[in-house]
Amino acid sequence: MGKGNVAKLPKMKCCESRKKCGRCPLRMLKEGTLPPGYTVKRRHLVRLDGKKVTKKKLTKAA
């Protein structure tokens, strides 16, 4: 009775660590694992439609 495969949510902002953490939006963009409708601009996670990024909407998209 585990949680199964839970999608990893990206962070809101890249922490610029050299190693790049597993939730880094830049890494997820490169790997193609960002939720649909999201992209990264200036190391910040943004929505393609220009609306504000919230964790609630992000969990629904993922």
C-alpha atoms as a PDB file:
ATOM      1  CA  MET A   1       0.000   0.000   0.000  1.00  0.00           C
ATOM      2  CA  GLY A   2       2.584   2.564  -1.068  1.00  0.00           C
ATOM      3  CA  LYS A   3       1.978   5.823  -2.799  1.00  0.00           C
ATOM      4  CA  GLY A   4       3.045   4.348  -6.133  1.00  0.00           C
ATOM      5  CA  ASN A   5       4.600   6.597  -8.715  1.00  0.00           C
ATOM      6  CA  VAL A   6       4.177  10.158  -7.532  1.00  0.00           C
ATOM      7  CA  ALA A   7       5.226  12.782 -10.074  1.00  0.00           C
ATOM      8  CA  LYS A   8       8.121  14.961  -8.964  1.00  0.00           C
ATOM      9  CA  LEU A   9       7.083  18.589  -8.935  1.00  0.00           C
ATOM     10  CA  PRO A  10       9.621  21.131 -10.132  1.00  0.00           C
ATOM     11  CA  LYS A  11      10.822  23.885  -7.826  1.00  0.00           C
ATOM     12  CA  MET A  12       9.584  27.400  -8.526  1.00  0.00           C
ATOM     13  CA  LYS A  13      13.105  28.754  -8.991  1.00  0.00           C
ATOM     14  CA  CYS A  14      16.418  27.125  -9.875  1.00  0.00           C
ATOM     15  CA  CYS A  15      18.764  27.081  -6.878  1.00  0.00           C
ATOM     16  CA  GLU A  16      21.800  27.231  -9.235  1.00  0.00           C
ATOM     17  CA  SER A  17      23.601  24.370  -7.498  1.00  0.00           C
ATOM     18  CA  ARG A  18      26.435  22.911  -9.539  1.00  0.00           C
ATOM     19  CA  LYS A  19      25.061  19.391  -9.195  1.00  0.00           C
ATOM     20  CA  LYS A  20      21.496  20.382 -10.179  1.00  0.00           C
ATOM     21  CA  CYS A  21      18.992  18.775  -7.840  1.00  0.00           C
ATOM     22  CA  GLY A  22      16.411  16.314  -9.110  1.00  0.00           C
ATOM     23  CA  ARG A  23      13.595  18.881  -8.959  1.00  0.00           C
ATOM     24  CA  CYS A  24      15.477  21.645 -10.784  1.00  0.00           C
ATOM     25  CA  PRO A  25      13.184  23.201 -13.419  1.00  0.00           C
ATOM     26  CA  LEU A  26      16.123  23.565 -15.840  1.00  0.00           C
ATOM     27  CA  ARG A  27      17.001  19.883 -15.582  1.00  0.00           C
ATOM     28  CA  MET A  28      13.360  18.835 -15.903  1.00  0.00           C
ATOM     29  CA  LEU A  29      12.965  21.043 -18.981  1.00  0.00           C
ATOM     30  CA  LYS A  30      16.021  19.432 -20.569  1.00  0.00           C
ATOM     31  CA  GLU A  31      14.813  15.915 -19.739  1.00  0.00           C
ATOM     32  CA  GLY A  32      11.283  16.701 -20.900  1.00  0.00           C
ATOM     33  CA  THR A  33       9.684  15.891 -17.538  1.00  0.00           C
ATOM     34  CA  LEU A  34       8.143  19.311 -16.866  1.00  0.00           C
ATOM     35  CA  PRO A  35       4.325  19.214 -16.681  1.00  0.00           C
ATOM     36  CA  PRO A  36       2.607  20.289 -19.911  1.00  0.00           C
ATOM     37  CA  GLY A  37       1.977  24.026 -20.160  1.00  0.00           C
ATOM     38  CA  TYR A  38       5.075  25.030 -18.181  1.00  0.00           C
ATOM     39  CA  THR A  39       8.513  26.314 -19.205  1.00  0.00           C
ATOM     40  CA  VAL A  40      11.524  28.048 -17.641  1.00  0.00           C
ATOM     41  CA  LYS A  41      12.529  31.663 -18.185  1.00  0.00           C
ATOM     42  CA  ARG A  42      15.454  33.275 -16.362  1.00  0.00           C
ATOM     43  CA  ARG A  43      15.709  30.265 -14.024  1.00  0.00           C
ATOM     44  CA  HIS A  44      12.069  30.691 -12.899  1.00  0.00           C
ATOM     45  CA  LEU A  45       9.227  28.300 -13.628  1.00  0.00           C
ATOM     46  CA  VAL A  46       6.526  30.042 -15.700  1.00  0.00           C
ATOM     47  CA  ARG A  47       3.298  29.041 -17.408  1.00  0.00           C
ATOM     48  CA  LEU A  48       3.018  29.254 -21.175  1.00  0.00           C
ATOM     49  CA  ASP A  49      -0.278  31.146 -20.976  1.00  0.00           C
ATOM     50  CA  GLY A  50       1.260  33.848 -18.757  1.00  0.00           C
ATOM     51  CA  LYS A  51      -0.800  33.136 -15.637  1.00  0.00           C
ATOM     52  CA  LYS A  52       0.727  32.939 -12.181  1.00  0.00           C
ATOM     53  CA  VAL A  53       2.360  29.654 -11.149  1.00  0.00           C
ATOM     54  CA  THR A  54       0.895  28.202  -7.958  1.00  0.00           C
ATOM     55  CA  LYS A  55       1.655  24.911  -6.272  1.00  0.00           C
ATOM     56  CA  LYS A  56      -2.014  23.950  -6.361  1.00  0.00           C
ATOM     57  CA  LYS A  57      -2.220  24.320 -10.147  1.00  0.00           C
ATOM     58  CA  LEU A  58       1.163  22.654 -10.526  1.00  0.00           C
ATOM     59  CA  THR A  59       0.021  19.531  -8.674  1.00  0.00           C
ATOM     60  CA  LYS A  60      -3.055  19.310 -10.882  1.00  0.00           C
ATOM     61  CA  ALA A  61      -0.919  19.584 -14.030  1.00  0.00           C
ATOM     62  CA  ALA A  62       1.493  16.896 -12.863  1.00  0.00           C
END
